C-alpha cells in the first residue's frame, strides 16, 4: 500500500507539473517542485518494494507526509513566496488534487504501520 500510494502521488504530480510550471516559466516554479517530489516519491516507492526496512518506511513517511502537508497547507493558507518557493495557494479541491491527497495519506499511514510492524528475529 505504501508503494502504491507513492506511485499514484508520483504519477499525478508528473501529470500536473507542466501546467503549474507555466506560472513561473523562467524560475524554479511549482512545476519543478512537483517533478522533484514525484521523483523522490518514485525512488522511495522502489526502495520500499526492494528492501522494506524501517529506514525505507521512515523515508516513505517523510516524503508522503511532506507532500500531504504541502497540499493541505497551500489549500487552506495563502502564504507569500518563501525564498525560492513560489506562492502556491490554491483554495479549491479537484479530482486529481483529491486523489493525490488520499494517496499521500494512505502512504503516510501504511508507512507508519511498516515502520512499527514487528520484524521476525533471526534465530541463532
PDB file of N, CA and C in Angstrom:
ATOM      1  N   UNK A   1       0.820  -1.187   0.000  1.00  0.00           N
ATOM      2  CA  UNK A   1       0.000   0.000   0.000  1.00  0.00           C
ATOM      3  C   UNK A   1       0.869   1.258   0.000  1.00  0.00           C
ATOM      4  N   UNK A   2       1.982   1.187   0.712  1.00  0.00           N
ATOM      5  CA  UNK A   2       2.877   2.346   0.771  1.00  0.00           C
ATOM      6  C   UNK A   2       3.399   2.680  -0.615  1.00  0.00           C
ATOM      7  N   UNK A   3       3.932   1.689  -1.295  1.00  0.00           N
ATOM      8  CA  UNK A   3       4.489   1.920  -2.635  1.00  0.00           C
ATOM      9  C   UNK A   3       3.392   2.372  -3.596  1.00  0.00           C
ATOM     10  N   UNK A   4       2.219   1.774  -3.506  1.00  0.00           N
ATOM     11  CA  UNK A   4       1.119   2.170  -4.394  1.00  0.00           C
ATOM     12  C   UNK A   4       0.727   3.630  -4.168  1.00  0.00           C
ATOM     13  N   UNK A   5       0.620   4.044  -2.919  1.00  0.00           N
ATOM     14  CA  UNK A   5       0.304   5.434  -2.620  1.00  0.00           C
ATOM     15  C   UNK A   5       1.357   6.386  -3.166  1.00  0.00           C
ATOM     16  N   UNK A   6       2.623   6.009  -3.026  1.00  0.00           N
ATOM     17  CA  UNK A   6       3.703   6.855  -3.537  1.00  0.00           C
ATOM     18  C   UNK A   6       3.714   6.906  -5.065  1.00  0.00           C
ATOM     19  N   UNK A   7       3.420   5.799  -5.694  1.00  0.00           N
ATOM     20  CA  UNK A   7       3.386   5.774  -7.169  1.00  0.00           C
ATOM     21  C   UNK A   7       2.225   6.617  -7.691  1.00  0.00           C
ATOM     22  N   UNK A   8       1.057   6.496  -7.094  1.00  0.00           N
ATOM     23  CA  UNK A   8      -0.079   7.325  -7.504  1.00  0.00           C
ATOM     24  C   UNK A   8       0.269   8.804  -7.333  1.00  0.00           C
ATOM     25  N   UNK A   9       0.856   9.138  -6.203  1.00  0.00           N
ATOM     26  CA  UNK A   9       1.279  10.511  -5.936  1.00  0.00           C
ATOM     27  C   UNK A   9       2.272  10.991  -6.993  1.00  0.00           C
ATOM     28  N   UNK A  10       3.224  10.146  -7.329  1.00  0.00           N
ATOM     29  CA  UNK A  10       4.245  10.496  -8.319  1.00  0.00           C
ATOM     30  C   UNK A  10       3.639  10.719  -9.703  1.00  0.00           C
ATOM     31  N   UNK A  11       2.792   9.813 -10.117  1.00  0.00           N
ATOM     32  CA  UNK A  11       2.172   9.922 -11.450  1.00  0.00           C
ATOM     33  C   UNK A  11       1.336  11.200 -11.555  1.00  0.00           C
ATOM     34  N   UNK A  12       0.557  11.494 -10.534  1.00  0.00           N
ATOM     35  CA  UNK A  12      -0.278  12.693 -10.573  1.00  0.00           C
ATOM     36  C   UNK A  12       0.580  13.955 -10.578  1.00  0.00           C
ATOM     37  N   UNK A  13       1.627  13.983  -9.762  1.00  0.00           N
ATOM     38  CA  UNK A  13       2.498  15.164  -9.757  1.00  0.00           C
ATOM     39  C   UNK A  13       3.181  15.357 -11.116  1.00  0.00           C
ATOM     40  N   UNK A  14       3.623  14.279 -11.728  1.00  0.00           N
ATOM     41  CA  UNK A  14       4.234  14.415 -13.061  1.00  0.00           C
ATOM     42  C   UNK A  14       3.210  14.877 -14.088  1.00  0.00           C
ATOM     43  N   UNK A  15       1.988  14.396 -13.986  1.00  0.00           N
ATOM     44  CA  UNK A  15       0.918  14.788 -14.897  1.00  0.00           C
ATOM     45  C   UNK A  15       0.601  16.282 -14.774  1.00  0.00           C
ATOM     46  N   UNK A  16       0.588  16.799 -13.561  1.00  0.00           N
ATOM     47  CA  UNK A  16       0.220  18.196 -13.322  1.00  0.00           C
ATOM     48  C   UNK A  16       1.379  19.182 -13.471  1.00  0.00           C
ATOM     49  N   UNK A  17       2.593  18.708 -13.453  1.00  0.00           N
ATOM     50  CA  UNK A  17       3.764  19.587 -13.370  1.00  0.00           C
ATOM     51  C   UNK A  17       3.845  20.637 -14.473  1.00  0.00           C
ATOM     52  N   UNK A  18       3.642  20.263 -15.699  1.00  0.00           N
ATOM     53  CA  UNK A  18       3.828  21.228 -16.783  1.00  0.00           C
ATOM     54  C   UNK A  18       2.830  22.379 -16.697  1.00  0.00           C
ATOM     55  N   UNK A  19       1.608  22.116 -16.297  1.00  0.00           N
ATOM     56  CA  UNK A  19       0.612  23.176 -16.156  1.00  0.00           C
ATOM     57  C   UNK A  19       0.962  24.156 -15.047  1.00  0.00           C
ATOM     58  N   UNK A  20       1.519  23.653 -13.968  1.00  0.00           N
ATOM     59  CA  UNK A  20       1.886  24.526 -12.866  1.00  0.00           C
ATOM     60  C   UNK A  20       3.170  25.304 -13.156  1.00  0.00           C
ATOM     61  N   UNK A  21       4.019  24.776 -14.005  1.00  0.00           N
ATOM     62  CA  UNK A  21       5.267  25.467 -14.333  1.00  0.00           C
ATOM     63  C   UNK A  21       5.013  26.726 -15.158  1.00  0.00           C
ATOM     64  N   UNK A  22       3.884  26.787 -15.855  1.00  0.00           N
ATOM     65  CA  UNK A  22       3.574  27.947 -16.686  1.00  0.00           C
ATOM     66  C   UNK A  22       3.500  29.243 -15.888  1.00  0.00           C
ATOM     67  N   UNK A  23       3.235  29.158 -14.592  1.00  0.00           N
ATOM     68  CA  UNK A  23       3.170  30.358 -13.757  1.00  0.00           C
ATOM     69  C   UNK A  23       4.548  30.973 -13.529  1.00  0.00           C
ATOM     70  N   UNK A  24       5.599  30.199 -13.679  1.00  0.00           N
ATOM     71  CA  UNK A  24       6.968  30.692 -13.485  1.00  0.00           C
ATOM     72  C   UNK A  24       7.879  30.063 -14.529  1.00  0.00           C
ATOM     73  N   UNK A  25       7.688  30.394 -15.817  1.00  0.00           N
ATOM     74  CA  UNK A  25       8.449  29.710 -16.860  1.00  0.00           C
ATOM     75  C   UNK A  25       9.964  29.908 -16.765  1.00  0.00           C
ATOM     76  N   UNK A  26      10.402  31.023 -16.188  1.00  0.00           N
ATOM     77  CA  UNK A  26      11.842  31.267 -16.107  1.00  0.00           C
ATOM     78  C   UNK A  26      12.448  30.912 -14.770  1.00  0.00           C
ATOM     79  N   UNK A  27      11.612  30.621 -13.762  1.00  0.00           N
ATOM     80  CA  UNK A  27      12.115  30.340 -12.426  1.00  0.00           C
ATOM     81  C   UNK A  27      12.022  28.877 -12.068  1.00  0.00           C
ATOM     82  N   UNK A  28      12.266  28.603 -10.793  1.00  0.00           N
ATOM     83  CA  UNK A  28      12.189  27.214 -10.352  1.00  0.00           C
ATOM     84  C   UNK A  28      10.755  26.733 -10.487  1.00  0.00           C
ATOM     85  N   UNK A  29       9.814  27.470  -9.965  1.00  0.00           N
ATOM     86  CA  UNK A  29       8.401  27.213 -10.195  1.00  0.00           C
ATOM     87  C   UNK A  29       7.829  25.991  -9.517  1.00  0.00           C
ATOM     88  N   UNK A  30       6.520  26.011  -9.419  1.00  0.00           N
ATOM     89  CA  UNK A  30       5.785  24.923  -8.789  1.00  0.00           C
ATOM     90  C   UNK A  30       5.859  23.633  -9.596  1.00  0.00           C
ATOM     91  N   UNK A  31       5.916  23.757 -10.915  1.00  0.00           N
ATOM     92  CA  UNK A  31       6.028  22.566 -11.759  1.00  0.00           C
ATOM     93  C   UNK A  31       7.294  21.784 -11.467  1.00  0.00           C
ATOM     94  N   UNK A  32       8.401  22.488 -11.290  1.00  0.00           N
ATOM     95  CA  UNK A  32       9.655  21.801 -10.965  1.00  0.00           C
ATOM     96  C   UNK A  32       9.626  21.221  -9.554  1.00  0.00           C
ATOM     97  N   UNK A  33       8.926  21.883  -8.634  1.00  0.00           N
ATOM     98  CA  UNK A  33       8.733  21.292  -7.307  1.00  0.00           C
ATOM     99  C   UNK A  33       7.930  19.995  -7.419  1.00  0.00           C
ATOM    100  N   UNK A  34       6.903  20.011  -8.276  1.00  0.00           N
ATOM    101  CA  UNK A  34       6.115  18.800  -8.500  1.00  0.00           C
ATOM    102  C   UNK A  34       6.984  17.686  -9.067  1.00  0.00           C
ATOM    103  N   UNK A  35       7.818  18.007 -10.021  1.00  0.00           N
ATOM    104  CA  UNK A  35       8.696  16.990 -10.622  1.00  0.00           C
ATOM    105  C   UNK A  35       9.676  16.428  -9.583  1.00  0.00           C
ATOM    106  N   UNK A  36      10.241  17.305  -8.775  1.00  0.00           N
ATOM    107  CA  UNK A  36      11.183  16.875  -7.737  1.00  0.00           C
ATOM    108  C   UNK A  36      10.500  15.941  -6.747  1.00  0.00           C
ATOM    109  N   UNK A  37       9.296  16.319  -6.323  1.00  0.00           N
ATOM    110  CA  UNK A  37       8.554  15.487  -5.382  1.00  0.00           C
ATOM    111  C   UNK A  37       8.182  14.151  -6.021  1.00  0.00           C
ATOM    112  N   UNK A  38       7.815  14.166  -7.291  1.00  0.00           N
ATOM    113  CA  UNK A  38       7.440  12.933  -7.994  1.00  0.00           C
ATOM    114  C   UNK A  38       8.615  11.962  -8.068  1.00  0.00           C
ATOM    115  N   UNK A  39       9.786  12.485  -8.372  1.00  0.00           N
ATOM    116  CA  UNK A  39      10.974  11.625  -8.452  1.00  0.00           C
ATOM    117  C   UNK A  39      11.309  11.063  -7.076  1.00  0.00           C
ATOM    118  N   UNK A  40      11.242  11.904  -6.043  1.00  0.00           N
ATOM    119  CA  UNK A  40      11.521  11.419  -4.685  1.00  0.00           C
ATOM    120  C   UNK A  40      10.537  10.321  -4.289  1.00  0.00           C
ATOM    121  N   UNK A  41       9.256  10.522  -4.578  1.00  0.00           N
ATOM    122  CA  UNK A  41       8.239   9.517  -4.236  1.00  0.00           C
ATOM    123  C   UNK A  41       8.473   8.214  -4.984  1.00  0.00           C
ATOM    124  N   UNK A  42       8.849   8.316  -6.251  1.00  0.00           N
ATOM    125  CA  UNK A  42       9.092   7.111  -7.042  1.00  0.00           C
ATOM    126  C   UNK A  42      10.313   6.342  -6.542  1.00  0.00           C
ATOM    127  N   UNK A  43      11.390   7.052  -6.229  1.00  0.00           N
ATOM    128  CA  UNK A  43      12.599   6.400  -5.699  1.00  0.00           C
ATOM    129  C   UNK A  43      12.282   5.691  -4.388  1.00  0.00           C
ATOM    130  N   UNK A  44      11.572   6.364  -3.498  1.00  0.00           N
ATOM    131  CA  UNK A  44      11.248   5.759  -2.206  1.00  0.00           C
ATOM    132  C   UNK A  44      10.298   4.572  -2.382  1.00  0.00           C
ATOM    133  N   UNK A  45       9.375   4.657  -3.340  1.00  0.00           N
ATOM    134  CA  UNK A  45       8.473   3.525  -3.600  1.00  0.00           C
ATOM    135  C   UNK A  45       9.262   2.284  -4.018  1.00  0.00           C
ATOM    136  N   UNK A  46      10.246   2.480  -4.878  1.00  0.00           N
ATOM    137  CA  UNK A  46      11.091   1.362  -5.310  1.00  0.00           C
ATOM    138  C   UNK A  46      11.877   0.806  -4.129  1.00  0.00           C
ATOM    139  N   UNK A  47      12.396   1.675  -3.284  1.00  0.00           N
ATOM    140  CA  UNK A  47      13.153   1.217  -2.106  1.00  0.00           C
ATOM    141  C   UNK A  47      12.272   0.443  -1.137  1.00  0.00           C
ATOM    142  N   UNK A  48      11.042   0.902  -0.964  1.00  0.00           N
ATOM    143  CA  UNK A  48      10.114   0.180  -0.077  1.00  0.00           C
ATOM    144  C   UNK A  48       9.864  -1.219  -0.614  1.00  0.00           C
ATOM    145  N   UNK A  49       9.656  -1.332  -1.924  1.00  0.00           N
ATOM    146  CA  UNK A  49       9.426  -2.651  -2.516  1.00  0.00           C
ATOM    147  C   UNK A  49      10.674  -3.528  -2.466  1.00  0.00           C
ATOM    148  N   UNK A  50      11.829  -2.919  -2.675  1.00  0.00           N
ATOM    149  CA  UNK A  50      13.071  -3.697  -2.732  1.00  0.00           C
ATOM    150  C   UNK A  50      13.568  -4.114  -1.349  1.00  0.00           C
ATOM    151  N   UNK A  51      13.432  -3.233  -0.367  1.00  0.00           N
ATOM    152  CA  UNK A  51      14.030  -3.517   0.936  1.00  0.00           C
ATOM    153  C   UNK A  51      13.008  -3.716   2.049  1.00  0.00           C
ATOM    154  N   UNK A  52      12.021  -2.856   2.106  1.00  0.00           N
ATOM    155  CA  UNK A  52      11.014  -2.971   3.155  1.00  0.00           C
ATOM    156  C   UNK A  52      11.562  -2.818   4.563  1.00  0.00           C
ATOM    157  N   UNK A  53      12.653  -2.098   4.704  1.00  0.00           N
ATOM    158  CA  UNK A  53      13.272  -1.920   6.019  1.00  0.00           C
ATOM    159  C   UNK A  53      12.633  -0.748   6.759  1.00  0.00           C
ATOM    160  N   UNK A  54      12.958  -0.634   8.016  1.00  0.00           N
ATOM    161  CA  UNK A  54      12.441   0.501   8.790  1.00  0.00           C
ATOM    162  C   UNK A  54      12.923   1.818   8.190  1.00  0.00           C
ATOM    163  N   UNK A  55      14.149   1.846   7.711  1.00  0.00           N
ATOM    164  CA  UNK A  55      14.685   3.078   7.116  1.00  0.00           C
ATOM    165  C   UNK A  55      13.892   3.487   5.876  1.00  0.00           C
ATOM    166  N   UNK A  56      13.522   2.518   5.048  1.00  0.00           N
ATOM    167  CA  UNK A  56      12.760   2.870   3.847  1.00  0.00           C
ATOM    168  C   UNK A  56      11.336   3.302   4.202  1.00  0.00           C
ATOM    169  N   UNK A  57      10.751   2.679   5.234  1.00  0.00           N
ATOM    170  CA  UNK A  57       9.432   3.117   5.670  1.00  0.00           C
ATOM    171  C   UNK A  57       9.492   4.503   6.308  1.00  0.00           C
ATOM    172  N   UNK A  58      10.569   4.802   6.985  1.00  0.00           N
ATOM    173  CA  UNK A  58      10.742   6.141   7.531  1.00  0.00           C
ATOM    174  C   UNK A  58      10.864   7.158   6.394  1.00  0.00           C
ATOM    175  N   UNK A  59      11.656   6.836   5.384  1.00  0.00           N
ATOM    176  CA  UNK A  59      11.799   7.728   4.231  1.00  0.00           C
ATOM    177  C   UNK A  59      10.461   7.930   3.531  1.00  0.00           C
ATOM    178  N   UNK A  60       9.689   6.857   3.379  1.00  0.00           N
ATOM    179  CA  UNK A  60       8.393   6.996   2.715  1.00  0.00           C
ATOM    180  C   UNK A  60       7.435   7.834   3.547  1.00  0.00           C
ATOM    181  N   UNK A  61       7.479   7.692   4.856  1.00  0.00           N
ATOM    182  CA  UNK A  61       6.632   8.515   5.723  1.00  0.00           C
ATOM    183  C   UNK A  61       6.987   9.986   5.585  1.00  0.00           C
ATOM    184  N   UNK A  62       8.278  10.285   5.523  1.00  0.00           N
ATOM    185  CA  UNK A  62       8.720  11.678   5.397  1.00  0.00           C
ATOM    186  C   UNK A  62       8.299  12.261   4.051  1.00  0.00           C
ATOM    187  N   UNK A  63       8.545  11.528   2.959  1.00  0.00           N
ATOM    188  CA  UNK A  63       8.196  12.027   1.623  1.00  0.00           C
ATOM    189  C   UNK A  63       6.690  12.225   1.491  1.00  0.00           C
ATOM    190  N   UNK A  64       5.914  11.252   1.913  1.00  0.00           N
ATOM    191  CA  UNK A  64       4.457  11.348   1.783  1.00  0.00           C
ATOM    192  C   UNK A  64       3.880  12.411   2.713  1.00  0.00           C
ATOM    193  N   UNK A  65       4.391  12.495   3.935  1.00  0.00           N
ATOM    194  CA  UNK A  65       3.887  13.495   4.881  1.00  0.00           C
ATOM    195  C   UNK A  65       4.222  14.911   4.420  1.00  0.00           C
ATOM    196  N   UNK A  66       5.394  15.099   3.851  1.00  0.00           N
ATOM    197  CA  UNK A  66       5.766  16.427   3.341  1.00  0.00           C
ATOM    198  C   UNK A  66       4.836  16.838   2.203  1.00  0.00           C
ATOM    199  N   UNK A  67       4.541  15.906   1.310  1.00  0.00           N
ATOM    200  CA  UNK A  67       3.649  16.208   0.190  1.00  0.00           C
ATOM    201  C   UNK A  67       2.230  16.481   0.680  1.00  0.00           C
ATOM    202  N   UNK A  68       1.747  15.674   1.616  1.00  0.00           N
ATOM    203  CA  UNK A  68       0.410  15.877   2.164  1.00  0.00           C
ATOM    204  C   UNK A  68       0.334  17.206   2.916  1.00  0.00           C
ATOM    205  N   UNK A  69       1.352  17.511   3.686  1.00  0.00           N
ATOM    206  CA  UNK A  69       1.376  18.782   4.408  1.00  0.00           C
ATOM    207  C   UNK A  69       1.340  19.961   3.441  1.00  0.00           C
ATOM    208  N   UNK A  70       2.075  19.857   2.345  1.00  0.00           N
ATOM    209  CA  UNK A  70       2.096  20.942   1.362  1.00  0.00           C
ATOM    210  C   UNK A  70       0.734  21.138   0.717  1.00  0.00           C
ATOM    211  N   UNK A  71       0.084  20.050   0.312  1.00  0.00           N
ATOM    212  CA  UNK A  71      -1.221  20.197  -0.345  1.00  0.00           C
ATOM    213  C   UNK A  71      -2.254  20.773   0.622  1.00  0.00           C
ATOM    214  N   UNK A  72      -2.218  20.362   1.871  1.00  0.00           N
ATOM    215  CA  UNK A  72      -3.163  20.891   2.854  1.00  0.00           C
ATOM    216  C   UNK A  72      -2.833  22.331   3.237  1.00  0.00           C
ATOM    217  N   UNK A  73      -1.550  22.607   3.437  1.00  0.00           N
ATOM    218  CA  UNK A  73      -1.119  23.950   3.805  1.00  0.00           C
ATOM    219  C   UNK A  73      -1.510  24.968   2.746  1.00  0.00           C
ATOM    220  N   UNK A  74      -1.183  24.667   1.493  1.00  0.00           N
ATOM    221  CA  UNK A  74      -1.456  25.615   0.418  1.00  0.00           C
ATOM    222  C   UNK A  74      -2.919  25.587  -0.043  1.00  0.00           C
ATOM    223  N   UNK A  75      -3.688  24.656   0.434  1.00  0.00           N
ATOM    224  CA  UNK A  75      -5.121  24.662   0.168  1.00  0.00           C
ATOM    225  C   UNK A  75      -5.818  25.650   1.097  1.00  0.00           C
ATOM    226  N   UNK A  76      -5.338  25.704   2.342  1.00  0.00           N
ATOM    227  CA  UNK A  76      -6.045  26.495   3.339  1.00  0.00           C
ATOM    228  C   UNK A  76      -5.359  27.804   3.727  1.00  0.00           C
ATOM    229  N   UNK A  77      -4.086  27.974   3.425  1.00  0.00           N
ATOM    230  CA  UNK A  77      -3.362  29.199   3.779  1.00  0.00           C
ATOM    231  C   UNK A  77      -2.768  29.852   2.539  1.00  0.00           C
ATOM    232  N   UNK A  78      -2.934  31.140   2.437  1.00  0.00           N
ATOM    233  CA  UNK A  78      -2.375  31.910   1.327  1.00  0.00           C
ATOM    234  C   UNK A  78      -1.021  32.470   1.761  1.00  0.00           C
ATOM    235  N   UNK A  79      -0.014  31.643   1.669  1.00  0.00           N
ATOM    236  CA  UNK A  79       1.332  32.047   2.076  1.00  0.00           C
ATOM    237  C   UNK A  79       2.027  32.800   0.941  1.00  0.00           C
ATOM    238  N   UNK A  80       2.818  33.806   1.283  1.00  0.00           N
ATOM    239  CA  UNK A  80       3.583  34.500   0.246  1.00  0.00           C
ATOM    240  C   UNK A  80       4.742  33.618  -0.212  1.00  0.00           C
ATOM    241  N   UNK A  81       5.423  34.005  -1.271  1.00  0.00           N
ATOM    242  CA  UNK A  81       6.616  33.240  -1.683  1.00  0.00           C
ATOM    243  C   UNK A  81       7.612  33.153  -0.528  1.00  0.00           C
ATOM    244  N   UNK A  82       8.200  31.992  -0.348  1.00  0.00           N
ATOM    245  CA  UNK A  82       9.188  31.775   0.712  1.00  0.00           C
ATOM    246  C   UNK A  82      10.518  31.419   0.065  1.00  0.00           C
ATOM    247  N   UNK A  83      11.409  32.395  -0.055  1.00  0.00           N
ATOM    248  CA  UNK A  83      12.688  32.157  -0.714  1.00  0.00           C
ATOM    249  C   UNK A  83      12.454  31.719  -2.148  1.00  0.00           C
ATOM    250  N   UNK A  84      13.020  30.570  -2.536  1.00  0.00           N
ATOM    251  CA  UNK A  84      12.821  30.107  -3.908  1.00  0.00           C
ATOM    252  C   UNK A  84      11.449  29.468  -4.148  1.00  0.00           C
ATOM    253  N   UNK A  85      10.686  29.233  -3.078  1.00  0.00           N
ATOM    254  CA  UNK A  85       9.370  28.615  -3.224  1.00  0.00           C
ATOM    255  C   UNK A  85       8.341  29.658  -3.635  1.00  0.00           C
ATOM    256  N   UNK A  86       7.600  29.400  -4.702  1.00  0.00           N
ATOM    257  CA  UNK A  86       6.570  30.360  -5.122  1.00  0.00           C
ATOM    258  C   UNK A  86       5.356  30.290  -4.200  1.00  0.00           C
ATOM    259  N   UNK A  87       4.498  31.282  -4.303  1.00  0.00           N
ATOM    260  CA  UNK A  87       3.209  31.217  -3.622  1.00  0.00           C
ATOM    261  C   UNK A  87       2.383  30.148  -4.332  1.00  0.00           C
ATOM    262  N   UNK A  88       1.906  29.168  -3.602  1.00  0.00           N
ATOM    263  CA  UNK A  88       1.206  28.051  -4.234  1.00  0.00           C
ATOM    264  C   UNK A  88      -0.225  27.909  -3.748  1.00  0.00           C
ATOM    265  N   UNK A  89      -0.787  29.000  -3.240  1.00  0.00           N
ATOM    266  CA  UNK A  89      -2.159  28.976  -2.728  1.00  0.00           C
ATOM    267  C   UNK A  89      -3.131  28.550  -3.822  1.00  0.00           C
ATOM    268  N   UNK A  90      -3.948  27.568  -3.505  1.00  0.00           N
ATOM    269  CA  UNK A  90      -4.948  27.067  -4.441  1.00  0.00           C
ATOM    270  C   UNK A  90      -6.143  26.589  -3.612  1.00  0.00           C
ATOM    271  N   UNK A  91      -7.127  27.487  -3.397  1.00  0.00           N
ATOM    272  CA  UNK A  91      -8.191  27.202  -2.427  1.00  0.00           C
ATOM    273  C   UNK A  91      -9.320  26.316  -2.941  1.00  0.00           C
ATOM    274  N   UNK A  92      -9.013  25.387  -3.800  1.00  0.00           N
ATOM    275  CA  UNK A  92     -10.055  24.502  -4.333  1.00  0.00           C
ATOM    276  C   UNK A  92      -9.583  23.055  -4.269  1.00  0.00           C
ATOM    277  N   UNK A  93     -10.540  22.159  -4.311  1.00  0.00           N
ATOM    278  CA  UNK A  93     -10.265  20.733  -4.474  1.00  0.00           C
ATOM    279  C   UNK A  93     -10.780  20.329  -5.844  1.00  0.00           C
ATOM    280  N   UNK A  94     -10.006  19.535  -6.561  1.00  0.00           N
ATOM    281  CA  UNK A  94     -10.453  18.963  -7.834  1.00  0.00           C
ATOM    282  C   UNK A  94     -10.017  17.508  -7.824  1.00  0.00           C
ATOM    283  N   UNK A  95     -10.548  16.675  -8.718  1.00  0.00           N
ATOM    284  CA  UNK A  95     -10.344  15.227  -8.597  1.00  0.00           C
ATOM    285  C   UNK A  95      -8.888  14.774  -8.484  1.00  0.00           C
ATOM    286  N   UNK A  96      -7.990  15.305  -9.305  1.00  0.00           N
ATOM    287  CA  UNK A  96      -6.602  14.832  -9.214  1.00  0.00           C
ATOM    288  C   UNK A  96      -5.924  15.312  -7.938  1.00  0.00           C
ATOM    289  N   UNK A  97      -6.271  16.500  -7.486  1.00  0.00           N
ATOM    290  CA  UNK A  97      -5.714  17.010  -6.222  1.00  0.00           C
ATOM    291  C   UNK A  97      -6.206  16.149  -5.058  1.00  0.00           C
ATOM    292  N   UNK A  98      -7.489  15.814  -5.081  1.00  0.00           N
ATOM    293  CA  UNK A  98      -8.053  14.960  -4.040  1.00  0.00           C
ATOM    294  C   UNK A  98      -7.414  13.577  -4.075  1.00  0.00           C
ATOM    295  N   UNK A  99      -7.231  13.028  -5.262  1.00  0.00           N
ATOM    296  CA  UNK A  99      -6.621  11.696  -5.392  1.00  0.00           C
ATOM    297  C   UNK A  99      -5.204  11.680  -4.846  1.00  0.00           C
ATOM    298  N   UNK A 100      -4.434  12.726  -5.137  1.00  0.00           N
ATOM    299  CA  UNK A 100      -3.061  12.739  -4.636  1.00  0.00           C
ATOM    300  C   UNK A 100      -3.038  12.901  -3.120  1.00  0.00           C
ATOM    301  N   UNK A 101      -3.960  13.702  -2.561  1.00  0.00           N
ATOM    302  CA  UNK A 101      -4.009  13.844  -1.108  1.00  0.00           C
ATOM    303  C   UNK A 101      -4.380  12.519  -0.440  1.00  0.00           C
ATOM    304  N   UNK A 102      -5.326  11.800  -1.022  1.00  0.00           N
ATOM    305  CA  UNK A 102      -5.704  10.490  -0.479  1.00  0.00           C
ATOM    306  C   UNK A 102      -4.530   9.510  -0.592  1.00  0.00           C
ATOM    307  N   UNK A 103      -3.861   9.491  -1.744  1.00  0.00           N
ATOM    308  CA  UNK A 103      -2.707   8.594  -1.928  1.00  0.00           C
ATOM    309  C   UNK A 103      -1.602   8.922  -0.932  1.00  0.00           C
ATOM    310  N   UNK A 104      -1.365  10.207  -0.692  1.00  0.00           N
ATOM    311  CA  UNK A 104      -0.338  10.600   0.279  1.00  0.00           C
ATOM    312  C   UNK A 104      -0.728  10.181   1.690  1.00  0.00           C
ATOM    313  N   UNK A 105      -2.006  10.345   2.039  1.00  0.00           N
ATOM    314  CA  UNK A 105      -2.469   9.930   3.363  1.00  0.00           C
ATOM    315  C   UNK A 105      -2.348   8.417   3.545  1.00  0.00           C
ATOM    316  N   UNK A 106      -2.693   7.659   2.514  1.00  0.00           N
ATOM    317  CA  UNK A 106      -2.543   6.197   2.568  1.00  0.00           C
ATOM    318  C   UNK A 106      -1.067   5.831   2.721  1.00  0.00           C
ATOM    319  N   UNK A 107      -0.201   6.513   1.982  1.00  0.00           N
ATOM    320  CA  UNK A 107       1.232   6.227   2.068  1.00  0.00           C
ATOM    321  C   UNK A 107       1.777   6.563   3.459  1.00  0.00           C
ATOM    322  N   UNK A 108       1.332   7.668   4.050  1.00  0.00           N
ATOM    323  CA  UNK A 108       1.776   8.021   5.403  1.00  0.00           C
ATOM    324  C   UNK A 108       1.324   6.954   6.392  1.00  0.00           C
ATOM    325  N   UNK A 109       0.040   6.615   6.359  1.00  0.00           N
ATOM    326  CA  UNK A 109      -0.497   5.641   7.314  1.00  0.00           C
ATOM    327  C   UNK A 109       0.162   4.275   7.160  1.00  0.00           C
ATOM    328  N   UNK A 110       0.296   3.807   5.930  1.00  0.00           N
ATOM    329  CA  UNK A 110       0.900   2.484   5.737  1.00  0.00           C
ATOM    330  C   UNK A 110       2.408   2.512   6.014  1.00  0.00           C
ATOM    331  N   UNK A 111       3.044   3.645   5.822  1.00  0.00           N
ATOM    332  CA  UNK A 111       4.464   3.775   6.190  1.00  0.00           C
ATOM    333  C   UNK A 111       4.643   3.637   7.695  1.00  0.00           C
ATOM    334  N   UNK A 112       3.742   4.250   8.441  1.00  0.00           N
ATOM    335  CA  UNK A 112       3.830   4.148   9.904  1.00  0.00           C
ATOM    336  C   UNK A 112       3.580   2.727  10.371  1.00  0.00           C
ATOM    337  N   UNK A 113       2.646   2.040   9.721  1.00  0.00           N
ATOM    338  CA  UNK A 113       2.426   0.622  10.046  1.00  0.00           C
ATOM    339  C   UNK A 113       3.697  -0.167   9.741  1.00  0.00           C
ATOM    340  N   UNK A 114       4.274   0.036   8.554  1.00  0.00           N
ATOM    341  CA  UNK A 114       5.507  -0.663   8.183  1.00  0.00           C
ATOM    342  C   UNK A 114       6.671  -0.340   9.102  1.00  0.00           C
ATOM    343  N   UNK A 115       6.711   0.887   9.568  1.00  0.00           N
ATOM    344  CA  UNK A 115       7.792   1.317  10.455  1.00  0.00           C
ATOM    345  C   UNK A 115       7.728   0.617  11.802  1.00  0.00           C
ATOM    346  N   UNK A 116       6.516   0.419  12.305  1.00  0.00           N
ATOM    347  CA  UNK A 116       6.360  -0.154  13.649  1.00  0.00           C
ATOM    348  C   UNK A 116       5.940  -1.617  13.663  1.00  0.00           C
ATOM    349  N   UNK A 117       5.756  -2.220  12.487  1.00  0.00           N
ATOM    350  CA  UNK A 117       5.373  -3.633  12.415  1.00  0.00           C
ATOM    351  C   UNK A 117       6.514  -4.480  12.954  1.00  0.00           C
ATOM    352  N   UNK A 118       6.212  -5.437  13.834  1.00  0.00           N
ATOM    353  CA  UNK A 118       7.281  -6.269  14.397  1.00  0.00           C
ATOM    354  C   UNK A 118       7.992  -7.076  13.308  1.00  0.00           C
ATOM    355  N   UNK A 119       9.298  -7.094  13.358  1.00  0.00           N
ATOM    356  CA  UNK A 119      10.106  -7.863  12.410  1.00  0.00           C
ATOM    357  C   UNK A 119      10.491  -9.193  13.060  1.00  0.00           C
ATOM    358  N   UNK A 120      10.516 -10.267  12.285  1.00  0.00           N
ATOM    359  CA  UNK A 120      10.958 -11.550  12.856  1.00  0.00           C
ATOM    360  C   UNK A 120      12.430 -11.457  13.270  1.00  0.00           C
ATOM    361  N   UNK A 121      12.725 -12.024  14.400  1.00  0.00           N
ATOM    362  CA  UNK A 121      14.095 -12.032  14.901  1.00  0.00           C
ATOM    363  C   UNK A 121      14.851 -13.221  14.314  1.00  0.00           C
ATOM    364  N   UNK A 122      16.075 -12.995  13.861  1.00  0.00           N
ATOM    365  CA  UNK A 122      16.856 -14.126  13.328  1.00  0.00           C
ATOM    366  C   UNK A 122      17.149 -15.142  14.437  1.00  0.00           C
ATOM    367  N   UNK A 123      17.092 -16.400  14.064  1.00  0.00           N
ATOM    368  CA  UNK A 123      17.398 -17.444  15.041  1.00  0.00           C
ATOM    369  C   UNK A 123      18.891 -17.717  15.046  1.00  0.00           C
ATOM    370  N   UNK A 124      19.434 -17.927  16.235  1.00  0.00           N
ATOM    371  CA  UNK A 124      20.893 -18.176  16.325  1.00  0.00           C
ATOM    372  C   UNK A 124      21.299 -19.526  15.811  1.00  0.00           C
TER     373      UNK A 124
END
